Amino acid sequence: MMAREKIFGQSTKFWTVETLNWPICQFHSLVHDKESRLNLDHPYQRGLVWDMEHKLKLIDSIVTGLGIPSVYLRMNRDYSYEVIDGKQRIHTLISFMDDDFPYNGLLYSQHDEISRRSFEFSTTVGVSMLKFITDEEAQEIYNRINFNGVPHEIPLRPKPTLWPGHLYPGKIKDEWDLAEKGPSTVGQPRREG
C-alpha cells in the first residue's frame, strides 16, 4: 500500500516496495503452474517487441555475469502476480527455457545440465514487489517507469556505423546523433584558410 507523507513541502505518495531477488526458475514456475500465477499481459502492457538480437543479448548478459535490470511486479490478494515492468525480459527468459530459440547454437534443453541448473537457480533477478495495489496504481507506476513524458512507440535508434575522419580510426559514431545535430567535426583536422 502507499502512504501520504509531506516531502519537500508537499503531500506525496509514498509507495511501499518490497525488494527481492528471485532465481530465474521462479518466473518460469509461476508462468507454467496450473493457475498461471504470473500475468505478463495486463491491458496496459505493450505486445512482445523484442527481436532475436535483443533476446540473445539478454541471455548473453546473464551468461557473462552482467545480470539484468530488476523488474516490477504487483502481488494480488490471491497471491497471483502481474508484471508492471519487465515483460520483454521475463518473456525472453521463459521462452529460452521453453526451447523457443537457441543460444550458442543449442536450445536450452540441449545445453549441459550444470549450465541449465546454474542459469535457473544461481542467477537472480531483482524484483520490486508492490503488494495489493489497485489497477489505477499499477497503471500509474507503469506510466512513470515507461513513459515519463516520452511516447513509448518511438522508433528504435539506428545501429551505430563507422564514421570516417575521427582522430581514432574505427571510432563509432551514432547515426541518430548525426540526424539530430549534423555531422560532427570532433577529431577532424582544422582547416586553415
C-alpha atoms as a PDB file:
ATOM      1  CA  MET A   1       0.000   0.000   0.000  1.00  0.00           C
ATOM      2  CA  MET A   2       1.025   3.586  -0.198  1.00  0.00           C
ATOM      3  CA  ALA A   3       1.046   6.229   2.486  1.00  0.00           C
ATOM      4  CA  ARG A   4       0.894  10.006   2.244  1.00  0.00           C
ATOM      5  CA  GLU A   5       3.849  11.943   3.589  1.00  0.00           C
ATOM      6  CA  LYS A   6       4.891  15.527   3.400  1.00  0.00           C
ATOM      7  CA  ILE A   7       8.173  15.716   1.471  1.00  0.00           C
ATOM      8  CA  PHE A   8       9.701  18.928   0.105  1.00  0.00           C
ATOM      9  CA  GLY A   9       6.699  20.820   1.463  1.00  0.00           C
ATOM     10  CA  GLN A  10       4.005  18.888  -0.376  1.00  0.00           C
ATOM     11  CA  SER A  11       1.794  15.899   0.271  1.00  0.00           C
ATOM     12  CA  THR A  12       3.438  12.996  -1.555  1.00  0.00           C
ATOM     13  CA  LYS A  13       2.505   9.422  -2.342  1.00  0.00           C
ATOM     14  CA  PHE A  14       4.965   7.031  -0.785  1.00  0.00           C
ATOM     15  CA  TRP A  15       4.944   3.573  -2.340  1.00  0.00           C
ATOM     16  CA  THR A  16       5.740   0.593  -0.157  1.00  0.00           C
ATOM     17  CA  VAL A  17       8.009  -1.554  -2.301  1.00  0.00           C
ATOM     18  CA  GLU A  18       9.493  -4.847  -1.154  1.00  0.00           C
ATOM     19  CA  THR A  19      12.812  -5.619  -2.815  1.00  0.00           C
ATOM     20  CA  LEU A  20      13.521  -9.293  -3.503  1.00  0.00           C
ATOM     21  CA  ASN A  21      15.880 -11.434  -5.557  1.00  0.00           C
ATOM     22  CA  TRP A  22      14.195 -14.267  -7.431  1.00  0.00           C
ATOM     23  CA  PRO A  23      16.004 -17.070  -9.231  1.00  0.00           C
ATOM     24  CA  ILE A  24      15.087 -17.240 -12.901  1.00  0.00           C
ATOM     25  CA  CYS A  25      13.276 -20.544 -12.334  1.00  0.00           C
ATOM     26  CA  GLN A  26      10.736 -18.713 -10.106  1.00  0.00           C
ATOM     27  CA  PHE A  27       9.404 -16.768 -13.111  1.00  0.00           C
ATOM     28  CA  HIS A  28       9.247 -19.930 -15.210  1.00  0.00           C
ATOM     29  CA  SER A  29       7.383 -21.818 -12.467  1.00  0.00           C
ATOM     30  CA  LEU A  30       4.819 -19.050 -11.947  1.00  0.00           C
ATOM     31  CA  VAL A  31       4.010 -18.822 -15.658  1.00  0.00           C
ATOM     32  CA  HIS A  32       3.734 -22.592 -16.087  1.00  0.00           C
ATOM     33  CA  ASP A  33       1.959 -23.629 -12.886  1.00  0.00           C
ATOM     34  CA  LYS A  34      -1.637 -24.780 -13.312  1.00  0.00           C
ATOM     35  CA  GLU A  35      -3.038 -21.399 -12.203  1.00  0.00           C
ATOM     36  CA  SER A  36      -0.611 -19.385 -14.380  1.00  0.00           C
ATOM     37  CA  ARG A  37       0.034 -17.088 -11.437  1.00  0.00           C
ATOM     38  CA  LEU A  38       2.281 -14.650 -13.328  1.00  0.00           C
ATOM     39  CA  ASN A  39       0.356 -12.479 -15.780  1.00  0.00           C
ATOM     40  CA  LEU A  40       2.571 -10.951 -18.452  1.00  0.00           C
ATOM     41  CA  ASP A  41      -0.293  -9.433 -20.443  1.00  0.00           C
ATOM     42  CA  HIS A  42      -2.059  -6.848 -18.322  1.00  0.00           C
ATOM     43  CA  PRO A  43      -4.027  -4.434 -20.582  1.00  0.00           C
ATOM     44  CA  TYR A  44      -1.541  -1.566 -20.156  1.00  0.00           C
ATOM     45  CA  GLN A  45       1.371  -3.749 -21.339  1.00  0.00           C
ATOM     46  CA  ARG A  46       2.538  -3.437 -24.928  1.00  0.00           C
ATOM     47  CA  GLY A  47       2.936  -6.566 -27.032  1.00  0.00           C
ATOM     48  CA  LEU A  48       6.134  -8.542 -27.463  1.00  0.00           C
ATOM     49  CA  VAL A  49       8.513  -6.293 -29.392  1.00  0.00           C
ATOM     50  CA  TRP A  50      11.998  -7.691 -28.851  1.00  0.00           C
ATOM     51  CA  ASP A  51      13.662  -9.233 -31.875  1.00  0.00           C
ATOM     52  CA  MET A  52      16.111 -12.133 -31.675  1.00  0.00           C
ATOM     53  CA  GLU A  53      19.119  -9.821 -31.280  1.00  0.00           C
ATOM     54  CA  HIS A  54      17.629  -8.291 -28.119  1.00  0.00           C
ATOM     55  CA  LYS A  55      16.754 -11.711 -26.704  1.00  0.00           C
ATOM     56  CA  LEU A  56      20.228 -13.128 -27.314  1.00  0.00           C
ATOM     57  CA  LYS A  57      21.887 -10.078 -25.765  1.00  0.00           C
ATOM     58  CA  LEU A  58      19.802 -10.547 -22.626  1.00  0.00           C
ATOM     59  CA  ILE A  59      20.773 -14.223 -22.335  1.00  0.00           C
ATOM     60  CA  ASP A  60      24.397 -13.334 -23.043  1.00  0.00           C
ATOM     61  CA  SER A  61      24.327 -10.657 -20.326  1.00  0.00           C
ATOM     62  CA  ILE A  62      23.249 -13.286 -17.825  1.00  0.00           C
ATOM     63  CA  VAL A  63      25.728 -15.921 -19.015  1.00  0.00           C
ATOM     64  CA  THR A  64      28.640 -13.455 -18.903  1.00  0.00           C
ATOM     65  CA  GLY A  65      27.756 -12.274 -15.400  1.00  0.00           C
ATOM     66  CA  LEU A  66      26.378  -8.813 -16.182  1.00  0.00           C
ATOM     67  CA  GLY A  67      22.916  -9.714 -14.936  1.00  0.00           C
ATOM     68  CA  ILE A  68      19.790  -7.834 -15.930  1.00  0.00           C
ATOM     69  CA  PRO A  69      17.850  -4.866 -14.538  1.00  0.00           C
ATOM     70  CA  SER A  70      15.225  -5.513 -11.899  1.00  0.00           C
ATOM     71  CA  VAL A  71      11.546  -5.934 -12.724  1.00  0.00           C
ATOM     72  CA  TYR A  72       8.419  -4.518 -11.074  1.00  0.00           C
ATOM     73  CA  LEU A  73       5.673  -6.943 -10.057  1.00  0.00           C
ATOM     74  CA  ARG A  74       2.291  -6.458  -8.482  1.00  0.00           C
ATOM     75  CA  MET A  75       1.145  -9.052  -5.944  1.00  0.00           C
ATOM     76  CA  ASN A  76      -2.611  -9.546  -5.764  1.00  0.00           C
ATOM     77  CA  ARG A  77      -4.548 -10.750  -2.726  1.00  0.00           C
ATOM     78  CA  ASP A  78      -4.844 -14.259  -4.229  1.00  0.00           C
ATOM     79  CA  TYR A  79      -1.016 -14.383  -4.481  1.00  0.00           C
ATOM     80  CA  SER A  80      -1.042 -14.124  -8.237  1.00  0.00           C
ATOM     81  CA  TYR A  81       1.348 -11.639  -9.817  1.00  0.00           C
ATOM     82  CA  GLU A  82       1.243  -9.160 -12.679  1.00  0.00           C
ATOM     83  CA  VAL A  83       4.224  -7.693 -14.462  1.00  0.00           C
ATOM     84  CA  ILE A  84       4.286  -3.913 -14.227  1.00  0.00           C
ATOM     85  CA  ASP A  85       7.724  -3.539 -15.811  1.00  0.00           C
ATOM     86  CA  GLY A  86       9.976  -6.226 -17.303  1.00  0.00           C
ATOM     87  CA  LYS A  87       7.648  -8.109 -19.651  1.00  0.00           C
ATOM     88  CA  GLN A  88      10.180  -8.347 -22.507  1.00  0.00           C
ATOM     89  CA  ARG A  89      12.926  -9.607 -20.168  1.00  0.00           C
ATOM     90  CA  ILE A  90      10.740 -12.133 -18.352  1.00  0.00           C
ATOM     91  CA  HIS A  91       9.217 -13.431 -21.587  1.00  0.00           C
ATOM     92  CA  THR A  92      12.703 -13.849 -23.065  1.00  0.00           C
ATOM     93  CA  LEU A  93      13.884 -15.883 -20.061  1.00  0.00           C
ATOM     94  CA  ILE A  94      10.820 -18.131 -20.142  1.00  0.00           C
ATOM     95  CA  SER A  95      10.854 -18.626 -23.908  1.00  0.00           C
ATOM     96  CA  PHE A  96      14.567 -19.511 -23.827  1.00  0.00           C
ATOM     97  CA  MET A  97      13.924 -22.126 -21.121  1.00  0.00           C
ATOM     98  CA  ASP A  98      10.992 -23.420 -23.218  1.00  0.00           C
ATOM     99  CA  ASP A  99      13.339 -24.065 -26.181  1.00  0.00           C
ATOM    100  CA  ASP A 100      11.825 -21.306 -28.326  1.00  0.00           C
ATOM    101  CA  PHE A 101      15.232 -20.119 -29.553  1.00  0.00           C
ATOM    102  CA  PRO A 102      18.867 -21.299 -29.359  1.00  0.00           C
ATOM    103  CA  TYR A 103      21.828 -19.742 -27.601  1.00  0.00           C
ATOM    104  CA  ASN A 104      25.284 -20.592 -28.994  1.00  0.00           C
ATOM    105  CA  GLY A 105      23.651 -22.932 -31.487  1.00  0.00           C
ATOM    106  CA  LEU A 106      21.785 -25.052 -28.938  1.00  0.00           C
ATOM    107  CA  LEU A 107      18.298 -24.969 -27.489  1.00  0.00           C
ATOM    108  CA  TYR A 108      18.095 -24.676 -23.716  1.00  0.00           C
ATOM    109  CA  SER A 109      17.362 -28.383 -23.209  1.00  0.00           C
ATOM    110  CA  GLN A 110      20.424 -29.283 -25.312  1.00  0.00           C
ATOM    111  CA  HIS A 111      22.858 -27.430 -23.056  1.00  0.00           C
ATOM    112  CA  ASP A 112      24.561 -29.436 -20.300  1.00  0.00           C
ATOM    113  CA  GLU A 113      22.693 -29.887 -17.030  1.00  0.00           C
ATOM    114  CA  ILE A 114      25.197 -27.923 -14.944  1.00  0.00           C
ATOM    115  CA  SER A 115      24.791 -24.884 -17.199  1.00  0.00           C
ATOM    116  CA  ARG A 116      20.989 -25.166 -17.118  1.00  0.00           C
ATOM    117  CA  ARG A 117      20.845 -25.513 -13.317  1.00  0.00           C
ATOM    118  CA  SER A 118      23.233 -22.606 -12.868  1.00  0.00           C
ATOM    119  CA  PHE A 119      21.071 -20.469 -15.172  1.00  0.00           C
ATOM    120  CA  GLU A 120      17.849 -21.450 -13.368  1.00  0.00           C
ATOM    121  CA  PHE A 121      18.926 -21.326  -9.730  1.00  0.00           C
ATOM    122  CA  SER A 122      22.143 -19.324  -9.381  1.00  0.00           C
ATOM    123  CA  THR A 123      21.110 -16.345 -11.471  1.00  0.00           C
ATOM    124  CA  THR A 124      18.758 -13.983  -9.684  1.00  0.00           C
ATOM    125  CA  VAL A 125      16.674 -11.075 -10.911  1.00  0.00           C
ATOM    126  CA  GLY A 126      15.852  -8.141  -8.677  1.00  0.00           C
ATOM    127  CA  VAL A 127      12.119  -7.846  -8.074  1.00  0.00           C
ATOM    128  CA  SER A 128      10.460  -4.676  -6.823  1.00  0.00           C
ATOM    129  CA  MET A 129       7.192  -6.008  -5.406  1.00  0.00           C
ATOM    130  CA  LEU A 130       4.151  -3.822  -4.847  1.00  0.00           C
ATOM    131  CA  LYS A 131       1.525  -5.678  -2.833  1.00  0.00           C
ATOM    132  CA  PHE A 132      -2.231  -5.296  -3.132  1.00  0.00           C
ATOM    133  CA  ILE A 133      -2.248  -2.092  -5.181  1.00  0.00           C
ATOM    134  CA  THR A 134      -5.191  -1.097  -7.376  1.00  0.00           C
ATOM    135  CA  ASP A 135      -5.307  -1.275 -11.167  1.00  0.00           C
ATOM    136  CA  GLU A 136      -5.041   2.516 -11.283  1.00  0.00           C
ATOM    137  CA  GLU A 137      -1.940   2.495  -9.084  1.00  0.00           C
ATOM    138  CA  ALA A 138      -0.317  -0.244 -11.201  1.00  0.00           C
ATOM    139  CA  GLN A 139      -1.073   1.812 -14.334  1.00  0.00           C
ATOM    140  CA  GLU A 140       0.465   4.912 -12.720  1.00  0.00           C
ATOM    141  CA  ILE A 141       3.657   3.039 -11.836  1.00  0.00           C
ATOM    142  CA  TYR A 142       3.856   1.548 -15.350  1.00  0.00           C
ATOM    143  CA  ASN A 143       3.467   5.022 -16.858  1.00  0.00           C
ATOM    144  CA  ARG A 144       6.099   6.532 -14.553  1.00  0.00           C
ATOM    145  CA  ILE A 145       8.631   3.842 -15.409  1.00  0.00           C
ATOM    146  CA  ASN A 146       7.959   3.539 -19.134  1.00  0.00           C
ATOM    147  CA  PHE A 147       6.772   6.901 -20.371  1.00  0.00           C
ATOM    148  CA  ASN A 148       7.896   9.704 -18.083  1.00  0.00           C
ATOM    149  CA  GLY A 149       6.638  12.150 -20.675  1.00  0.00           C
ATOM    150  CA  VAL A 150       8.160  10.377 -23.704  1.00  0.00           C
ATOM    151  CA  PRO A 151       5.944   8.365 -26.097  1.00  0.00           C
ATOM    152  CA  HIS A 152       6.511   4.614 -25.808  1.00  0.00           C
ATOM    153  CA  GLU A 153       6.330   3.978 -29.542  1.00  0.00           C
ATOM    154  CA  ILE A 154       9.449   5.942 -30.501  1.00  0.00           C
ATOM    155  CA  PRO A 155      11.389   4.100 -33.205  1.00  0.00           C
ATOM    156  CA  LEU A 156      14.447   2.076 -32.295  1.00  0.00           C
ATOM    157  CA  ARG A 157      17.661   4.002 -32.744  1.00  0.00           C
ATOM    158  CA  PRO A 158      19.660   3.130 -35.840  1.00  0.00           C
ATOM    159  CA  LYS A 159      22.625   0.837 -35.387  1.00  0.00           C
ATOM    160  CA  PRO A 160      25.970   2.619 -34.970  1.00  0.00           C
ATOM    161  CA  THR A 161      28.198   2.815 -38.016  1.00  0.00           C
ATOM    162  CA  LEU A 162      31.840   3.679 -38.531  1.00  0.00           C
ATOM    163  CA  TRP A 163      32.352   7.383 -39.052  1.00  0.00           C
ATOM    164  CA  PRO A 164      35.426   8.307 -41.117  1.00  0.00           C
ATOM    165  CA  GLY A 165      37.513  11.287 -40.233  1.00  0.00           C
ATOM    166  CA  HIS A 166      37.752  10.790 -36.485  1.00  0.00           C
ATOM    167  CA  LEU A 167      41.046  11.183 -34.760  1.00  0.00           C
ATOM    168  CA  TYR A 168      40.955   7.493 -33.824  1.00  0.00           C
ATOM    169  CA  PRO A 169      40.279   5.126 -36.742  1.00  0.00           C
ATOM    170  CA  GLY A 170      37.286   2.859 -36.253  1.00  0.00           C
ATOM    171  CA  LYS A 171      35.603   5.070 -33.649  1.00  0.00           C
ATOM    172  CA  ILE A 172      31.835   4.526 -33.526  1.00  0.00           C
ATOM    173  CA  LYS A 173      29.516   7.422 -34.320  1.00  0.00           C
ATOM    174  CA  ASP A 174      25.786   7.070 -33.836  1.00  0.00           C
ATOM    175  CA  GLU A 175      23.713   7.949 -36.910  1.00  0.00           C
ATOM    176  CA  TRP A 176      20.893   9.149 -34.680  1.00  0.00           C
ATOM    177  CA  ASP A 177      23.102  11.941 -33.306  1.00  0.00           C
ATOM    178  CA  LEU A 178      24.117  12.875 -36.838  1.00  0.00           C
ATOM    179  CA  ALA A 179      20.492  13.242 -37.875  1.00  0.00           C
ATOM    180  CA  GLU A 180      19.777  15.416 -34.840  1.00  0.00           C
ATOM    181  CA  LYS A 181      22.947  17.537 -34.741  1.00  0.00           C
ATOM    182  CA  GLY A 182      24.524  17.332 -38.158  1.00  0.00           C
ATOM    183  CA  PRO A 183      27.998  15.922 -38.903  1.00  0.00           C
ATOM    184  CA  SER A 184      30.474  16.188 -36.056  1.00  0.00           C
ATOM    185  CA  THR A 185      33.800  17.937 -36.503  1.00  0.00           C
ATOM    186  CA  VAL A 186      35.298  16.438 -33.356  1.00  0.00           C
ATOM    187  CA  GLY A 187      38.615  14.828 -34.189  1.00  0.00           C
ATOM    188  CA  GLN A 188      38.777  16.231 -37.714  1.00  0.00           C
ATOM    189  CA  PRO A 189      41.754  18.332 -38.766  1.00  0.00           C
ATOM    190  CA  ARG A 190      41.263  22.084 -38.547  1.00  0.00           C
ATOM    191  CA  ARG A 191      41.103  23.697 -41.964  1.00  0.00           C
ATOM    192  CA  GLU A 192      43.442  26.615 -42.386  1.00  0.00           C
ATOM    193  CA  GLY A 193      42.483  29.199 -44.690  1.00  0.00           C
END
